[in-house]
Amino acid sequence: MGSGSYDGIVGSSLYARWGRGFATALVQYAIRSTGDYDYRFANDLTWAGGPGYYLLMKDEFTLGLQAVVSGEYKRLDQFQGVAADDTGVTAVYLGPNSL
């Protein structure tokens, strides 16, 4: 069962490499509409990116390690025009990514 809303998602990603070093970046924005029962999910922005390095580069495989920072920002959802207090989020994460 869905919410009855229509959502549009737009985004882009970028990958750059020089020698064994590389970097990635991505961003995505979800545009939400009001659904059934007059509930509206808030629009949502997610993003991620960071530098990395290929530790091993063989004909059969590659092994890379990347430091990634990522996050999400979403305002409060609304139910019948009133903000739902526990639905917004601002989050930032930092950690490794293996490729």
N, C-alpha and C. Protein backbone atom coordinates (compact mmCIF):
# COMPACT_ATOMS: atom_id res chain seq x y z
N MET A 1 0.84 -1.17 0.00
CA MET A 1 0.00 0.00 0.00
C MET A 1 0.89 1.24 0.00
N GLY A 2 0.61 2.11 -0.90
CA GLY A 2 1.37 3.34 -0.99
C GLY A 2 0.68 4.47 -0.27
N SER A 3 1.30 5.63 -0.32
CA SER A 3 0.75 6.80 0.36
C SER A 3 -0.24 7.56 -0.52
N GLY A 4 -0.25 7.25 -1.81
CA GLY A 4 -1.12 7.95 -2.73
C GLY A 4 -0.50 9.21 -3.30
N SER A 5 0.72 9.51 -2.91
CA SER A 5 1.38 10.71 -3.43
C SER A 5 2.15 10.36 -4.70
N TYR A 6 2.44 11.39 -5.46
CA TYR A 6 3.30 11.25 -6.63
C TYR A 6 4.63 11.91 -6.29
N ASP A 7 5.71 11.22 -6.61
CA ASP A 7 7.04 11.70 -6.25
C ASP A 7 7.90 11.84 -7.49
N GLY A 8 8.69 12.88 -7.53
CA GLY A 8 9.68 13.07 -8.58
C GLY A 8 11.07 13.04 -7.95
N ILE A 9 11.97 12.29 -8.56
CA ILE A 9 13.32 12.19 -8.01
C ILE A 9 14.31 12.65 -9.08
N VAL A 10 15.14 13.62 -8.73
CA VAL A 10 16.17 14.12 -9.63
C VAL A 10 17.51 14.03 -8.92
N GLY A 11 18.56 13.82 -9.69
CA GLY A 11 19.87 13.73 -9.07
C GLY A 11 20.97 13.61 -10.10
N SER A 12 22.17 13.56 -9.60
CA SER A 12 23.33 13.44 -10.46
C SER A 12 24.48 12.85 -9.67
N SER A 13 25.44 12.27 -10.40
CA SER A 13 26.64 11.77 -9.75
C SER A 13 27.85 12.12 -10.59
N LEU A 14 29.00 12.13 -9.95
CA LEU A 14 30.25 12.51 -10.60
C LEU A 14 31.34 11.56 -10.12
N TYR A 15 32.16 11.09 -11.05
CA TYR A 15 33.31 10.24 -10.73
C TYR A 15 34.51 10.81 -11.46
N ALA A 16 35.60 10.99 -10.74
CA ALA A 16 36.83 11.48 -11.35
C ALA A 16 37.99 10.61 -10.86
N ARG A 17 38.94 10.35 -11.77
CA ARG A 17 40.08 9.51 -11.40
C ARG A 17 41.35 10.09 -11.99
N TRP A 18 42.44 10.05 -11.22
CA TRP A 18 43.75 10.44 -11.70
C TRP A 18 44.76 9.50 -11.05
N GLY A 19 45.48 8.74 -11.88
CA GLY A 19 46.38 7.71 -11.36
C GLY A 19 45.59 6.68 -10.57
N ARG A 20 46.01 6.43 -9.34
CA ARG A 20 45.29 5.50 -8.47
C ARG A 20 44.27 6.23 -7.58
N GLY A 21 44.28 7.53 -7.59
CA GLY A 21 43.34 8.29 -6.78
C GLY A 21 42.03 8.54 -7.52
N PHE A 22 40.95 8.68 -6.77
CA PHE A 22 39.65 8.97 -7.37
C PHE A 22 38.79 9.73 -6.37
N ALA A 23 37.71 10.28 -6.86
CA ALA A 23 36.75 10.97 -6.01
C ALA A 23 35.36 10.77 -6.61
N THR A 24 34.37 10.70 -5.73
CA THR A 24 32.99 10.58 -6.17
C THR A 24 32.15 11.63 -5.47
N ALA A 25 31.06 11.98 -6.09
CA ALA A 25 30.08 12.89 -5.48
C ALA A 25 28.72 12.56 -6.07
N LEU A 26 27.70 12.62 -5.23
CA LEU A 26 26.34 12.42 -5.73
C LEU A 26 25.37 13.24 -4.91
N VAL A 27 24.29 13.61 -5.56
CA VAL A 27 23.22 14.36 -4.90
C VAL A 27 21.89 13.87 -5.48
N GLN A 28 20.88 13.79 -4.62
CA GLN A 28 19.54 13.37 -5.06
C GLN A 28 18.51 14.18 -4.30
N TYR A 29 17.48 14.64 -5.01
CA TYR A 29 16.41 15.42 -4.40
C TYR A 29 15.09 14.78 -4.75
N ALA A 30 14.32 14.43 -3.73
CA ALA A 30 13.00 13.82 -3.92
C ALA A 30 11.93 14.88 -3.67
N ILE A 31 11.10 15.08 -4.65
CA ILE A 31 10.02 16.08 -4.59
C ILE A 31 8.72 15.32 -4.35
N ARG A 32 8.09 15.57 -3.22
CA ARG A 32 6.89 14.83 -2.81
C ARG A 32 5.63 15.67 -2.98
N SER A 33 4.52 14.99 -3.23
CA SER A 33 3.22 15.66 -3.31
C SER A 33 2.33 15.17 -2.17
N THR A 34 1.22 15.83 -1.98
CA THR A 34 0.26 15.41 -0.95
C THR A 34 -0.46 14.16 -1.41
N GLY A 35 -0.57 13.19 -0.52
CA GLY A 35 -1.19 11.92 -0.85
C GLY A 35 -2.56 11.76 -0.21
N ASP A 36 -2.94 10.52 -0.07
CA ASP A 36 -4.23 10.20 0.55
C ASP A 36 -4.28 10.72 1.99
N TYR A 37 -5.47 10.98 2.47
CA TYR A 37 -5.72 11.40 3.85
C TYR A 37 -5.05 12.73 4.18
N ASP A 38 -4.74 13.52 3.13
CA ASP A 38 -4.14 14.84 3.29
C ASP A 38 -2.80 14.78 4.03
N TYR A 39 -2.02 13.71 3.78
CA TYR A 39 -0.68 13.56 4.36
C TYR A 39 0.34 13.93 3.30
N ARG A 40 1.29 14.79 3.66
CA ARG A 40 2.33 15.20 2.73
C ARG A 40 3.70 14.90 3.31
N PHE A 41 4.40 13.98 2.65
CA PHE A 41 5.79 13.73 3.01
C PHE A 41 6.62 14.92 2.56
N ALA A 42 7.57 15.35 3.37
CA ALA A 42 8.43 16.48 3.03
C ALA A 42 9.43 16.09 1.95
N ASN A 43 9.85 17.06 1.17
CA ASN A 43 10.91 16.83 0.19
C ASN A 43 12.18 16.39 0.92
N ASP A 44 13.05 15.67 0.21
CA ASP A 44 14.20 15.03 0.85
C ASP A 44 15.45 15.23 0.00
N LEU A 45 16.53 15.71 0.61
CA LEU A 45 17.81 15.90 -0.06
C LEU A 45 18.81 14.91 0.53
N THR A 46 19.43 14.09 -0.31
CA THR A 46 20.50 13.20 0.13
C THR A 46 21.74 13.48 -0.71
N TRP A 47 22.90 13.29 -0.11
CA TRP A 47 24.16 13.57 -0.79
C TRP A 47 25.27 12.70 -0.22
N ALA A 48 26.32 12.52 -0.98
CA ALA A 48 27.48 11.73 -0.53
C ALA A 48 28.67 12.04 -1.42
N GLY A 49 29.86 11.77 -0.90
CA GLY A 49 31.06 11.94 -1.71
C GLY A 49 32.32 11.83 -0.88
N GLY A 50 33.43 11.72 -1.58
CA GLY A 50 34.71 11.69 -0.89
C GLY A 50 35.83 11.14 -1.76
N PRO A 51 37.05 11.24 -1.26
CA PRO A 51 38.23 10.76 -2.00
C PRO A 51 38.49 9.29 -1.72
N GLY A 52 39.18 8.66 -2.66
CA GLY A 52 39.55 7.26 -2.49
C GLY A 52 40.85 6.95 -3.19
N TYR A 53 41.30 5.70 -2.99
CA TYR A 53 42.57 5.26 -3.57
C TYR A 53 42.46 3.78 -3.92
N TYR A 54 42.91 3.42 -5.12
CA TYR A 54 42.95 2.02 -5.52
C TYR A 54 44.20 1.37 -4.94
N LEU A 55 44.01 0.48 -3.99
CA LEU A 55 45.12 -0.20 -3.33
C LEU A 55 45.74 -1.26 -4.23
N LEU A 56 44.92 -2.01 -4.95
CA LEU A 56 45.37 -3.04 -5.88
C LEU A 56 44.66 -2.85 -7.21
N MET A 57 45.42 -2.96 -8.29
CA MET A 57 44.84 -2.88 -9.64
C MET A 57 45.43 -4.03 -10.46
N LYS A 58 44.67 -5.08 -10.60
CA LYS A 58 45.08 -6.27 -11.36
C LYS A 58 44.16 -6.43 -12.55
N ASP A 59 44.54 -7.27 -13.50
CA ASP A 59 43.66 -7.56 -14.64
C ASP A 59 42.37 -8.22 -14.18
N GLU A 60 42.43 -9.04 -13.14
CA GLU A 60 41.27 -9.79 -12.67
C GLU A 60 40.36 -9.00 -11.72
N PHE A 61 40.94 -8.05 -10.99
CA PHE A 61 40.15 -7.32 -9.99
C PHE A 61 40.86 -6.04 -9.59
N THR A 62 40.11 -5.19 -8.92
CA THR A 62 40.68 -3.99 -8.29
C THR A 62 40.18 -3.94 -6.85
N LEU A 63 40.96 -3.32 -5.99
CA LEU A 63 40.55 -3.11 -4.61
C LEU A 63 40.81 -1.66 -4.27
N GLY A 64 39.75 -0.96 -3.89
CA GLY A 64 39.87 0.44 -3.55
C GLY A 64 39.31 0.72 -2.16
N LEU A 65 39.76 1.78 -1.58
CA LEU A 65 39.27 2.22 -0.28
C LEU A 65 38.94 3.70 -0.39
N GLN A 66 37.78 4.06 0.15
CA GLN A 66 37.30 5.43 0.02
C GLN A 66 36.80 5.94 1.36
N ALA A 67 37.08 7.20 1.66
CA ALA A 67 36.50 7.89 2.81
C ALA A 67 35.28 8.65 2.31
N VAL A 68 34.13 8.37 2.88
CA VAL A 68 32.88 8.94 2.38
C VAL A 68 32.20 9.74 3.48
N VAL A 69 31.75 10.92 3.13
CA VAL A 69 30.86 11.69 3.99
C VAL A 69 29.52 11.74 3.26
N SER A 70 28.45 11.46 3.98
CA SER A 70 27.12 11.46 3.37
C SER A 70 26.12 12.07 4.32
N GLY A 71 24.99 12.45 3.79
CA GLY A 71 24.00 13.07 4.65
C GLY A 71 22.63 13.12 4.02
N GLU A 72 21.69 13.53 4.84
CA GLU A 72 20.30 13.66 4.43
C GLU A 72 19.69 14.86 5.16
N TYR A 73 18.81 15.58 4.46
CA TYR A 73 18.07 16.67 5.06
C TYR A 73 16.62 16.57 4.62
N LYS A 74 15.72 16.54 5.58
CA LYS A 74 14.29 16.46 5.29
C LYS A 74 13.54 17.26 6.34
N ARG A 75 12.68 18.15 5.89
CA ARG A 75 11.85 18.91 6.81
C ARG A 75 10.75 18.02 7.38
N LEU A 76 9.87 18.59 8.17
CA LEU A 76 8.79 17.84 8.78
C LEU A 76 7.69 17.51 7.77
N ASP A 77 7.16 16.27 7.83
CA ASP A 77 5.97 15.92 7.07
C ASP A 77 4.80 16.71 7.63
N GLN A 78 3.70 16.75 6.86
CA GLN A 78 2.50 17.45 7.33
C GLN A 78 1.28 16.55 7.19
N PHE A 79 0.45 16.56 8.22
CA PHE A 79 -0.81 15.82 8.20
C PHE A 79 -1.92 16.82 8.41
N GLN A 80 -2.75 16.97 7.40
CA GLN A 80 -3.86 17.93 7.40
C GLN A 80 -3.38 19.33 7.76
N GLY A 81 -2.22 19.70 7.21
CA GLY A 81 -1.67 21.03 7.39
C GLY A 81 -0.89 21.25 8.67
N VAL A 82 -0.79 20.24 9.53
CA VAL A 82 -0.07 20.37 10.80
C VAL A 82 1.22 19.55 10.71
N ALA A 83 2.31 20.14 11.17
CA ALA A 83 3.61 19.46 11.12
C ALA A 83 3.62 18.23 12.01
N ALA A 84 4.15 17.14 11.48
CA ALA A 84 4.35 15.91 12.26
C ALA A 84 5.73 16.01 12.90
N ASP A 85 5.77 16.25 14.19
CA ASP A 85 6.98 16.66 14.90
C ASP A 85 8.15 15.69 14.83
N ASP A 86 7.92 14.41 14.63
CA ASP A 86 9.01 13.43 14.70
C ASP A 86 9.44 12.90 13.34
N THR A 87 9.22 13.66 12.27
CA THR A 87 9.51 13.14 10.92
C THR A 87 10.66 13.83 10.21
N GLY A 88 11.13 14.95 10.68
CA GLY A 88 12.24 15.65 10.04
C GLY A 88 13.57 15.02 10.43
N VAL A 89 14.58 15.25 9.58
CA VAL A 89 15.89 14.69 9.89
C VAL A 89 16.98 15.55 9.26
N THR A 90 18.05 15.73 9.99
CA THR A 90 19.31 16.26 9.47
C THR A 90 20.38 15.30 9.96
N ALA A 91 21.02 14.61 9.04
CA ALA A 91 22.00 13.59 9.43
C ALA A 91 23.25 13.72 8.56
N VAL A 92 24.41 13.51 9.19
CA VAL A 92 25.69 13.48 8.48
C VAL A 92 26.46 12.26 8.98
N TYR A 93 27.00 11.49 8.03
CA TYR A 93 27.74 10.27 8.36
C TYR A 93 29.13 10.34 7.73
N LEU A 94 30.09 9.73 8.38
CA LEU A 94 31.45 9.66 7.88
C LEU A 94 31.97 8.25 8.10
N GLY A 95 32.53 7.66 7.05
CA GLY A 95 33.05 6.30 7.20
C GLY A 95 33.73 5.81 5.93
N PRO A 96 34.21 4.58 5.98
CA PRO A 96 34.90 3.99 4.84
C PRO A 96 33.94 3.33 3.86
N ASN A 97 34.41 3.16 2.65
CA ASN A 97 33.69 2.41 1.62
C ASN A 97 34.74 1.60 0.87
N SER A 98 34.50 0.31 0.70
CA SER A 98 35.44 -0.51 -0.08
C SER A 98 34.84 -0.80 -1.43
N LEU A 99 35.67 -0.79 -2.45
CA LEU A 99 35.20 -0.99 -3.81
C LEU A 99 35.82 -2.25 -4.39
